[in-house]
Amino acid sequence: MSPMLEISRLRHPAFAQSYGESRGYLELKDTEDGEQPPAHRTYGPVGDQRSEVRGQRTADKHSTLNTQPSTLRIALLTGGDDKPYVLGLAEALTSEGISFDLIGSDDLEVPELLRNRRINFCNLRGDQRSDASLKSKAFRILRYYFRLVCYAVRAQPKIFHILWNNKFELFDRTLLLLYYKLLGKKLVLTAHNVNVRKRDCTDTWLNRLSLRIQYQLSDHIFVHTNRMKKELVSDFTITSDKVSVIPFGINNTAPNTGITTAGAKRMLSISDSDKTILCYGQIAPYKGLEYLIDAFSEVAKRNGSYRLFIAGKVKKGHVEYWNDIRRKIAATESRNRIIERIEHIPDDETELYFKAADVLVLSYTQVFQSGVIFLGYSFGLPTIVADVGSLKEEIIEGKTGFVFKPRDSSDLASKVENYFDSELFHNLENRRREIKKYANERYSWDKVAEITTAVYSNLLSSR
């Protein structure tokens, strides 16, 4: 049976129901309580226990907010991407009694958002297929900006929360934000990276100037680590009271069926005895794959049971970097122990890689934070990380993973061997459950929503 056929079988309602994965839907009627109905037909889940529990908790804890939904209505500008973050934040905010316009795209037009009565889904971005013609791409981006400008004029929310910028960052950071301010909007920004070009070694004075303008125009900024907050304050002269640190919410959107570790290994043609190391995500120079390849070659020489799986697409503009990595792989004696799947990994296949792997490795050379570690934690997968940015803060040594010196393949090799000799690996199935529990508590979306809601309330009361 092929991997995809087996996944489909596991997700068939008759099978999935035993794992709580059944997702039947009933059509909802228009609201009768005066709330604005969603822009699209919405569908509600049958038997969604998580939503029911959260809804009951919301009713108990936030009855005041729920009786005054209009006092906290915001616009959430997503940039049309990053579905895991958008879904997690949207569910958490609506459970706090917040209603909002969600500016999205076809990629975000999913039942979890469309069926939520507190969300007015506005598909301004539309199709974002990468294989469209240049003419089509130019037309759709111009159409999107036109729609966005028109929306801002008539938008009722007083707070615009920007999760990601759009296509033209210089315009988004400057003129577009000025336009929002002229319309009297309060601007909240989630800065997932303080200066991504600095990380990618492509920084310029113009980039720094546009970032400074964006940060100064924003009324409040969310970051994910204290180190990011310090950099905002020191590099861009932002006052510390204007910045809040929120957890990077756990990625709970990737399907998680009844596939076992043994089953996932079999579907990926990996032996049960293989000590499988996973490198997952977009491929770019800051990921430090060259150090991982060197470290893997070192441990594979001493033990032939190691296996490295590289899964993810090459980030735009970095094809030559990947070509260098491929040449490096071809020159190693352990090349036959390295599996490559260099393409976008669909959401419904993500679990295969994280369940088949015995450990995740982030060999980054420079980064603030990485969502991959939280994706791994959502499957209970231990992680070995380079000591860059704030990655070290996310690791409990020997409990959830290990930390190695950045750009040091020998130290990485040592940590890989330490891990496979440790109790963490030898008791992995039990530890997976512990890691998932730890991650759900530490990176709870409820904590994100609590801090975010307080910021919204303060901004509205300061008008």
Protein backbone atom coordinates (compact mmCIF):
# COMPACT_ATOMS: atom_id res chain seq x y z
CA MET A 1 0.00 0.00 0.00
CA SER A 2 1.40 3.46 -0.91
CA PRO A 3 2.09 6.00 1.87
CA MET A 4 -0.63 8.38 0.68
CA LEU A 5 -3.21 5.58 0.35
CA GLU A 6 -2.43 4.49 3.89
CA ILE A 7 -2.76 8.03 5.20
CA SER A 8 -6.09 8.34 3.39
CA ARG A 9 -7.27 5.09 4.96
CA LEU A 10 -6.34 6.34 8.43
CA ARG A 11 -8.32 9.53 7.79
CA HIS A 12 -11.44 7.81 6.51
CA PRO A 13 -14.26 8.80 8.93
CA ALA A 14 -14.95 5.18 9.89
CA PHE A 15 -11.33 4.73 10.93
CA ALA A 16 -10.54 8.21 12.17
CA GLN A 17 -13.44 8.37 14.58
CA SER A 18 -11.61 6.08 17.01
CA TYR A 19 -8.81 8.66 17.13
CA GLY A 20 -11.07 11.69 17.49
CA GLU A 21 -10.21 12.74 13.94
CA SER A 22 -13.67 12.62 12.43
CA ARG A 23 -14.63 15.96 10.96
CA GLY A 24 -18.23 15.87 9.82
CA TYR A 25 -19.83 19.29 9.25
CA LEU A 26 -23.29 20.77 9.56
CA GLU A 27 -24.31 23.96 7.82
CA LEU A 28 -24.95 26.81 10.24
CA LYS A 29 -27.75 29.33 9.90
CA ASP A 30 -27.27 33.07 9.91
CA THR A 31 -26.82 34.60 13.34
CA GLU A 32 -29.86 35.83 15.19
CA ASP A 33 -28.14 37.87 17.88
CA GLY A 34 -27.29 40.91 15.82
CA GLU A 35 -23.72 39.89 15.05
CA GLN A 36 -22.46 40.36 11.53
CA PRO A 37 -22.47 36.96 9.79
CA PRO A 38 -19.24 35.79 8.15
CA ALA A 39 -18.58 36.90 4.58
CA HIS A 40 -18.62 33.29 3.39
CA ARG A 41 -20.91 30.39 4.17
CA THR A 42 -19.64 28.78 7.32
CA TYR A 43 -19.62 25.24 8.58
CA GLY A 44 -19.49 23.97 12.12
CA PRO A 45 -17.88 20.76 13.33
CA VAL A 46 -19.69 17.77 14.71
CA GLY A 47 -18.08 16.37 17.84
CA ASP A 48 -15.15 18.79 18.03
CA GLN A 49 -14.38 18.19 21.68
CA ARG A 50 -11.51 20.66 21.87
CA SER A 51 -13.69 23.52 20.65
CA GLU A 52 -16.49 22.53 23.03
CA VAL A 53 -14.17 22.49 26.04
CA ARG A 54 -12.58 25.80 25.08
CA GLY A 55 -16.01 27.32 24.42
CA GLN A 56 -17.24 26.28 27.87
CA ARG A 57 -14.09 27.66 29.48
CA THR A 58 -14.62 30.92 27.63
CA ALA A 59 -18.22 31.15 28.80
CA ASP A 60 -17.12 30.69 32.39
CA LYS A 61 -14.08 32.98 32.38
CA HIS A 62 -15.01 35.72 29.93
CA SER A 63 -18.73 36.29 30.25
CA THR A 64 -18.16 40.04 30.48
CA LEU A 65 -16.31 40.13 27.18
CA ASN A 66 -18.90 37.96 25.52
CA THR A 67 -21.69 40.35 26.43
CA GLN A 68 -19.79 43.24 24.84
CA PRO A 69 -18.16 41.81 21.70
CA SER A 70 -18.14 45.17 19.92
CA THR A 71 -15.72 46.64 22.48
CA LEU A 72 -12.99 44.33 21.22
CA ARG A 73 -13.18 44.02 17.47
CA ILE A 74 -9.94 44.17 15.54
CA ALA A 75 -8.60 43.57 12.05
CA LEU A 76 -6.05 40.79 11.70
CA LEU A 77 -3.80 41.32 8.67
CA THR A 78 -2.13 38.00 7.91
CA GLY A 79 -0.27 38.67 4.67
CA GLY A 80 -2.22 35.68 3.35
CA ASP A 81 0.13 33.03 4.74
CA ASP A 82 1.39 31.14 7.81
CA LYS A 83 -1.70 29.02 8.39
CA PRO A 84 -0.45 27.33 11.61
CA TYR A 85 0.10 30.64 13.38
CA VAL A 86 -3.09 32.23 12.08
CA LEU A 87 -5.27 29.28 13.09
CA GLY A 88 -3.77 29.05 16.57
CA LEU A 89 -4.08 32.78 17.23
CA ALA A 90 -7.58 33.04 15.75
CA GLU A 91 -8.98 30.25 17.89
CA ALA A 92 -7.35 31.64 21.02
CA LEU A 93 -8.54 35.22 20.45
CA THR A 94 -12.12 34.24 19.69
CA SER A 95 -12.17 32.11 22.83
CA GLU A 96 -11.38 35.34 24.69
CA GLY A 97 -14.51 36.92 23.24
CA ILE A 98 -12.76 38.95 20.55
CA SER A 99 -14.33 39.38 17.12
CA PHE A 100 -12.31 40.38 14.11
CA ASP A 101 -11.97 40.82 10.38
CA LEU A 102 -9.37 38.39 9.11
CA ILE A 103 -7.61 39.56 5.95
CA GLY A 104 -6.59 36.36 4.21
CA SER A 105 -6.14 34.42 1.00
CA ASP A 106 -7.23 31.19 -0.63
CA ASP A 107 -4.61 29.40 1.46
CA LEU A 108 -6.37 30.48 4.65
CA GLU A 109 -9.91 29.86 3.43
CA VAL A 110 -10.34 26.79 5.62
CA PRO A 111 -13.32 25.53 7.68
CA GLU A 112 -11.65 26.36 11.01
CA LEU A 113 -11.83 30.06 10.08
CA LEU A 114 -14.95 30.14 7.92
CA ARG A 115 -17.15 28.40 10.48
CA ASN A 116 -16.18 30.68 13.39
CA ARG A 117 -19.00 33.17 14.01
CA ARG A 118 -16.63 35.73 15.52
CA ILE A 119 -14.51 35.89 12.38
CA ASN A 120 -15.43 37.92 9.33
CA PHE A 121 -13.16 36.29 6.75
CA CYS A 122 -12.11 38.73 4.01
CA ASN A 123 -10.31 36.99 1.18
CA LEU A 124 -8.58 40.04 -0.27
CA ARG A 125 -5.43 38.22 -1.36
CA GLY A 126 -7.05 35.39 -3.32
CA ASP A 127 -4.92 32.91 -5.22
CA GLN A 128 -1.18 32.81 -4.45
CA ARG A 129 -0.08 29.94 -6.69
CA SER A 130 3.64 30.19 -7.45
CA ASP A 131 3.24 28.71 -10.93
CA ALA A 132 1.13 31.62 -12.21
CA SER A 133 2.45 33.76 -15.06
CA LEU A 134 4.32 36.98 -14.31
CA LYS A 135 1.41 38.97 -15.73
CA SER A 136 -1.04 37.17 -13.47
CA LYS A 137 1.16 37.70 -10.43
CA ALA A 138 1.48 41.42 -11.15
CA PHE A 139 -2.28 41.78 -11.60
CA ARG A 140 -3.24 39.89 -8.48
CA ILE A 141 -0.82 41.78 -6.22
CA LEU A 142 -2.01 45.15 -7.53
CA ARG A 143 -5.60 44.00 -7.09
CA TYR A 144 -4.81 42.94 -3.53
CA TYR A 145 -3.31 46.30 -2.57
CA PHE A 146 -6.30 48.09 -4.13
CA ARG A 147 -8.69 45.93 -2.12
CA LEU A 148 -6.65 46.45 1.05
CA VAL A 149 -6.65 50.24 0.67
CA CYS A 150 -10.40 50.25 0.05
CA TYR A 151 -11.01 47.94 3.01
CA ALA A 152 -9.05 50.19 5.37
CA VAL A 153 -11.27 53.17 4.54
CA ARG A 154 -14.50 51.41 5.48
CA ALA A 155 -13.15 49.09 8.19
CA GLN A 156 -14.90 49.41 11.54
CA PRO A 157 -12.09 47.96 13.73
CA LYS A 158 -9.93 50.62 15.34
CA ILE A 159 -7.02 48.23 15.81
CA PHE A 160 -5.09 46.76 12.87
CA HIS A 161 -2.93 43.82 14.01
CA ILE A 162 -0.30 43.00 11.39
CA LEU A 163 1.09 39.47 11.53
CA TRP A 164 3.13 39.64 8.35
CA ASN A 165 3.88 42.29 5.75
CA ASN A 166 2.73 41.83 2.18
CA LYS A 167 4.69 41.67 -1.08
CA PHE A 168 6.39 45.08 -1.14
CA GLU A 169 7.93 45.46 2.29
CA LEU A 170 9.29 48.98 1.83
CA PHE A 171 5.80 50.19 0.93
CA ASP A 172 4.16 48.14 3.68
CA ARG A 173 6.51 49.43 6.36
CA THR A 174 6.20 53.10 5.43
CA LEU A 175 3.45 54.53 3.21
CA LEU A 176 0.87 51.84 3.97
CA LEU A 177 1.34 52.23 7.73
CA LEU A 178 1.15 56.02 7.40
CA TYR A 179 -2.10 55.57 5.51
CA TYR A 180 -3.51 53.43 8.33
CA LYS A 181 -2.44 56.03 10.89
CA LEU A 182 -4.11 58.82 8.89
CA LEU A 183 -7.31 56.80 9.06
CA GLY A 184 -7.01 56.82 12.85
CA LYS A 185 -6.07 53.15 13.28
CA LYS A 186 -4.08 51.80 16.21
CA LEU A 187 -1.32 49.56 14.86
CA VAL A 188 -0.17 46.34 16.51
CA LEU A 189 2.70 44.40 14.94
CA THR A 190 3.93 40.88 15.57
CA ALA A 191 7.65 40.92 14.72
CA HIS A 192 8.51 37.27 14.14
CA ASN A 193 11.99 38.46 13.13
CA VAL A 194 13.42 41.80 14.23
CA ASN A 195 15.62 42.07 11.12
CA VAL A 196 15.49 39.01 8.89
CA ARG A 197 17.96 40.51 6.42
CA LYS A 198 20.55 40.76 9.15
CA ARG A 199 20.10 37.02 9.69
CA ASP A 200 20.41 36.35 5.96
CA CYS A 201 23.45 38.65 5.60
CA THR A 202 21.63 40.87 3.09
CA ASP A 203 21.05 43.89 5.33
CA THR A 204 21.16 47.46 3.92
CA TRP A 205 20.72 50.97 5.28
CA LEU A 206 17.41 51.23 3.42
CA ASN A 207 16.14 48.04 5.01
CA ARG A 208 17.10 49.27 8.49
CA LEU A 209 15.49 52.67 7.83
CA SER A 210 12.19 51.12 6.70
CA LEU A 211 12.20 48.82 9.74
CA ARG A 212 12.81 51.78 12.04
CA ILE A 213 9.85 53.60 10.49
CA GLN A 214 7.63 50.54 10.86
CA TYR A 215 8.56 50.02 14.49
CA GLN A 216 8.13 53.71 15.32
CA LEU A 217 4.72 53.91 13.65
CA SER A 218 3.46 50.81 15.46
CA ASP A 219 1.58 51.46 18.69
CA HIS A 220 2.62 48.12 20.14
CA ILE A 221 4.93 45.29 19.09
CA PHE A 222 4.87 41.61 19.98
CA VAL A 223 8.06 39.52 19.89
CA HIS A 224 8.73 35.93 20.94
CA THR A 225 11.86 36.24 23.10
CA ASN A 226 13.48 38.66 25.54
CA ARG A 227 16.50 38.78 23.27
CA MET A 228 14.35 40.07 20.41
CA LYS A 229 12.91 42.73 22.71
CA LYS A 230 16.40 43.87 23.70
CA GLU A 231 17.41 44.16 20.05
CA LEU A 232 14.35 46.26 19.25
CA VAL A 233 15.21 48.59 22.11
CA SER A 234 18.93 48.85 21.33
CA ASP A 235 18.96 48.80 17.51
CA PHE A 236 15.77 50.71 16.77
CA THR A 237 15.39 52.90 19.89
CA ILE A 238 11.97 51.48 20.76
CA THR A 239 10.83 52.05 24.34
CA SER A 240 10.58 48.81 26.30
CA ASP A 241 6.98 49.47 27.43
CA LYS A 242 5.94 49.39 23.78
CA VAL A 243 7.09 45.77 23.38
CA SER A 244 5.53 42.62 24.83
CA VAL A 245 7.04 39.14 24.78
CA ILE A 246 4.58 36.38 23.92
CA PRO A 247 5.19 32.65 23.52
CA PHE A 248 5.48 31.22 20.03
CA GLY A 249 2.21 29.30 20.10
CA ILE A 250 2.51 25.55 19.63
CA ASN A 251 1.81 24.34 16.10
CA ASN A 252 -1.29 22.21 16.55
CA THR A 253 -2.62 22.36 12.99
CA ALA A 254 -0.62 19.53 11.40
CA PRO A 255 -2.80 16.39 11.22
CA ASN A 256 -1.93 13.82 13.85
CA THR A 257 -3.55 10.47 13.09
CA GLY A 258 -3.04 7.02 14.55
CA ILE A 259 0.12 6.41 12.55
CA THR A 260 2.78 4.98 14.86
CA THR A 261 6.53 5.55 14.80
CA ALA A 262 7.04 2.09 13.30
CA GLY A 263 4.36 2.74 10.70
CA ALA A 264 5.85 6.11 9.74
CA LYS A 265 9.32 4.60 9.37
CA ARG A 266 7.93 1.85 7.16
CA MET A 267 6.09 4.35 4.95
CA LEU A 268 9.29 6.33 4.46
CA SER A 269 11.36 3.18 3.81
CA ILE A 270 13.34 3.60 7.01
CA SER A 271 14.39 0.55 9.02
CA ASP A 272 13.19 0.23 12.62
CA SER A 273 16.82 -0.09 13.67
CA ASP A 274 17.89 3.13 11.94
CA LYS A 275 18.82 6.00 14.25
CA THR A 276 16.98 8.64 12.27
CA ILE A 277 17.97 12.32 12.34
CA LEU A 278 15.56 14.84 10.78
CA CYS A 279 16.42 18.15 9.13
CA TYR A 280 13.12 19.82 8.27
CA GLY A 281 12.05 23.11 6.71
CA GLN A 282 13.09 25.57 4.06
CA ILE A 283 16.70 25.31 2.92
CA ALA A 284 18.80 28.48 3.15
CA PRO A 285 22.37 29.38 4.22
CA TYR A 286 21.40 30.34 7.78
CA LYS A 287 20.21 26.74 8.33
CA GLY A 288 23.85 25.56 8.44
CA LEU A 289 23.31 22.28 6.59
CA GLU A 290 27.02 22.03 5.79
CA TYR A 291 27.76 21.55 9.51
CA LEU A 292 25.04 18.92 9.81
CA ILE A 293 26.40 16.99 6.82
CA ASP A 294 29.93 17.03 8.30
CA ALA A 295 28.62 15.92 11.70
CA PHE A 296 26.56 13.14 10.17
CA SER A 297 29.52 11.89 8.16
CA GLU A 298 31.54 11.75 11.36
CA VAL A 299 29.02 9.70 13.36
CA ALA A 300 28.12 7.48 10.40
CA LYS A 301 31.74 6.40 10.09
CA ARG A 302 31.63 5.06 13.63
CA ASN A 303 28.13 3.57 13.47
CA GLY A 304 26.39 2.47 10.29
CA SER A 305 22.89 2.59 11.80
CA TYR A 306 22.57 6.38 11.55
CA ARG A 307 20.19 7.82 8.96
CA LEU A 308 19.72 11.46 7.96
CA PHE A 309 16.49 12.68 6.37
CA ILE A 310 16.45 16.17 4.77
CA ALA A 311 12.91 17.35 3.98
CA GLY A 312 11.84 20.77 2.73
CA LYS A 313 11.98 23.11 -0.22
CA VAL A 314 14.80 25.42 -1.20
CA LYS A 315 14.07 28.98 -0.17
CA LYS A 316 13.78 31.39 -3.07
CA GLY A 317 17.16 32.80 -4.09
CA HIS A 318 19.23 30.02 -2.49
CA VAL A 319 19.37 27.34 -5.18
CA GLU A 320 23.14 27.66 -5.46
CA TYR A 321 23.51 27.05 -1.73
CA TRP A 322 21.56 23.82 -2.05
CA ASN A 323 23.68 22.82 -5.05
CA ASP A 324 26.76 23.23 -2.86
CA ILE A 325 25.16 21.05 -0.18
CA ARG A 326 24.31 18.36 -2.75
CA ARG A 327 27.90 18.29 -3.94
CA LYS A 328 29.01 17.97 -0.34
CA ILE A 329 26.63 15.05 0.20
CA ALA A 330 27.83 13.33 -2.96
CA ALA A 331 31.43 13.53 -1.74
CA THR A 332 30.75 11.86 1.62
CA GLU A 333 31.15 8.14 2.26
CA SER A 334 27.81 8.16 4.07
CA ARG A 335 25.83 9.53 1.10
CA ASN A 336 23.78 6.33 0.86
CA ARG A 337 22.56 6.93 4.42
CA ILE A 338 21.10 10.34 3.52
CA ILE A 339 17.56 10.66 2.17
CA GLU A 340 16.49 13.86 0.44
CA ARG A 341 13.00 15.13 -0.24
CA ILE A 342 13.60 18.62 -1.54
CA GLU A 343 10.13 20.04 -2.06
CA HIS A 344 7.26 21.55 -0.15
CA ILE A 345 5.93 19.03 2.37
CA PRO A 346 2.10 19.06 2.46
CA ASP A 347 0.48 19.45 5.87
CA ASP A 348 -1.10 16.02 5.70
CA GLU A 349 2.33 14.38 5.33
CA THR A 350 4.14 16.35 8.03
CA GLU A 351 3.45 13.81 10.76
CA LEU A 352 5.26 11.07 8.84
CA TYR A 353 8.61 12.84 9.17
CA PHE A 354 8.25 13.83 12.81
CA LYS A 355 7.01 10.40 13.84
CA ALA A 356 9.61 8.49 11.83
CA ALA A 357 12.45 10.62 13.22
CA ASP A 358 14.22 9.86 16.49
CA VAL A 359 15.55 13.40 16.85
CA LEU A 360 15.27 16.77 15.13
CA VAL A 361 18.43 18.80 14.48
CA LEU A 362 18.54 22.59 13.99
CA SER A 363 22.09 23.38 12.89
CA TYR A 364 21.36 27.10 12.37
CA THR A 365 24.18 29.61 12.16
CA GLN A 366 22.00 32.63 12.91
CA VAL A 367 18.34 32.98 13.90
CA PHE A 368 16.13 34.59 16.55
CA GLN A 369 13.58 31.82 16.83
CA SER A 370 12.36 28.88 14.77
CA GLY A 371 8.85 27.52 14.42
CA VAL A 372 10.28 24.12 13.48
CA ILE A 373 11.24 23.36 17.08
CA PHE A 374 7.65 23.91 18.20
CA LEU A 375 6.35 21.78 15.36
CA GLY A 376 8.67 19.03 16.55
CA TYR A 377 7.52 19.47 20.15
CA SER A 378 3.90 19.11 19.03
CA PHE A 379 4.83 15.54 18.04
CA GLY A 380 6.95 15.05 21.16
CA LEU A 381 10.20 14.94 19.20
CA PRO A 382 13.44 15.82 21.08
CA THR A 383 15.61 18.45 19.40
CA ILE A 384 19.33 19.18 19.17
CA VAL A 385 19.88 22.90 18.51
CA ALA A 386 22.76 25.24 17.85
CA ASP A 387 23.32 27.85 20.56
CA VAL A 388 22.17 30.81 18.45
CA GLY A 389 19.43 33.34 19.04
CA SER A 390 17.05 32.10 21.71
CA LEU A 391 17.03 28.43 20.72
CA LYS A 392 18.89 27.42 23.87
CA GLU A 393 16.07 28.83 25.99
CA GLU A 394 13.65 26.31 24.47
CA ILE A 395 15.71 23.26 25.45
CA ILE A 396 15.77 21.47 28.80
CA GLU A 397 19.09 19.67 28.53
CA GLY A 398 18.62 15.93 28.59
CA LYS A 399 14.84 16.27 28.92
CA THR A 400 13.71 17.80 25.64
CA GLY A 401 17.01 17.81 23.77
CA PHE A 402 20.60 19.04 23.71
CA VAL A 403 22.52 22.19 22.71
CA PHE A 404 25.74 22.36 20.68
CA LYS A 405 28.22 25.06 19.73
CA PRO A 406 27.18 26.80 16.49
CA ARG A 407 29.27 26.17 13.36
CA ASP A 408 31.01 23.28 15.14
CA SER A 409 30.34 19.97 13.39
CA SER A 410 32.46 18.00 15.86
CA ASP A 411 30.47 19.26 18.83
CA LEU A 412 27.25 18.49 16.95
CA ALA A 413 28.48 14.96 16.25
CA SER A 414 29.27 14.55 19.94
CA LYS A 415 25.79 15.73 20.97
CA VAL A 416 24.15 13.38 18.45
CA GLU A 417 26.01 10.42 19.96
CA ASN A 418 25.23 11.63 23.49
CA TYR A 419 21.56 11.77 22.62
CA PHE A 420 21.40 8.23 21.20
CA ASP A 421 23.23 6.95 24.30
CA SER A 422 20.87 8.80 26.65
CA GLU A 423 17.79 7.72 28.54
CA LEU A 424 15.86 10.33 26.55
CA PHE A 425 16.28 8.21 23.41
CA HIS A 426 16.03 4.81 25.04
CA ASN A 427 12.70 5.77 26.64
CA LEU A 428 11.56 7.84 23.67
CA GLU A 429 7.91 6.77 23.45
CA ASN A 430 7.24 7.82 27.05
CA ARG A 431 9.33 10.96 26.66
CA ARG A 432 7.35 11.97 23.58
CA ARG A 433 4.22 12.20 25.71
CA GLU A 434 6.04 14.26 28.34
CA ILE A 435 7.44 16.67 25.75
CA LYS A 436 4.02 17.20 24.19
CA LYS A 437 2.53 17.96 27.60
CA TYR A 438 5.37 20.34 28.43
CA ALA A 439 5.05 22.15 25.09
CA ASN A 440 1.28 22.55 25.33
CA GLU A 441 1.69 24.23 28.71
CA ARG A 442 4.73 26.41 27.96
CA TYR A 443 3.65 27.53 24.49
CA SER A 444 -0.05 27.73 25.14
CA TRP A 445 -2.13 29.85 22.79
CA ASP A 446 -4.21 30.79 25.82
CA LYS A 447 -1.18 32.67 27.20
CA VAL A 448 -0.71 34.41 23.84
CA ALA A 449 -4.38 35.43 23.79
CA GLU A 450 -4.31 36.70 27.38
CA ILE A 451 -1.38 39.05 26.74
CA THR A 452 -2.70 40.11 23.33
CA THR A 453 -6.17 40.89 24.66
CA ALA A 454 -4.71 43.07 27.42
CA VAL A 455 -2.76 45.07 24.83
CA TYR A 456 -5.86 45.55 22.68
CA SER A 457 -7.86 46.76 25.68
CA ASN A 458 -5.17 49.22 26.73
CA LEU A 459 -4.88 50.67 23.24
CA LEU A 460 -8.64 51.15 22.95
CA SER A 461 -8.90 52.77 26.38
CA SER A 462 -6.07 55.20 25.54
CA ARG A 463 -7.88 56.73 22.55
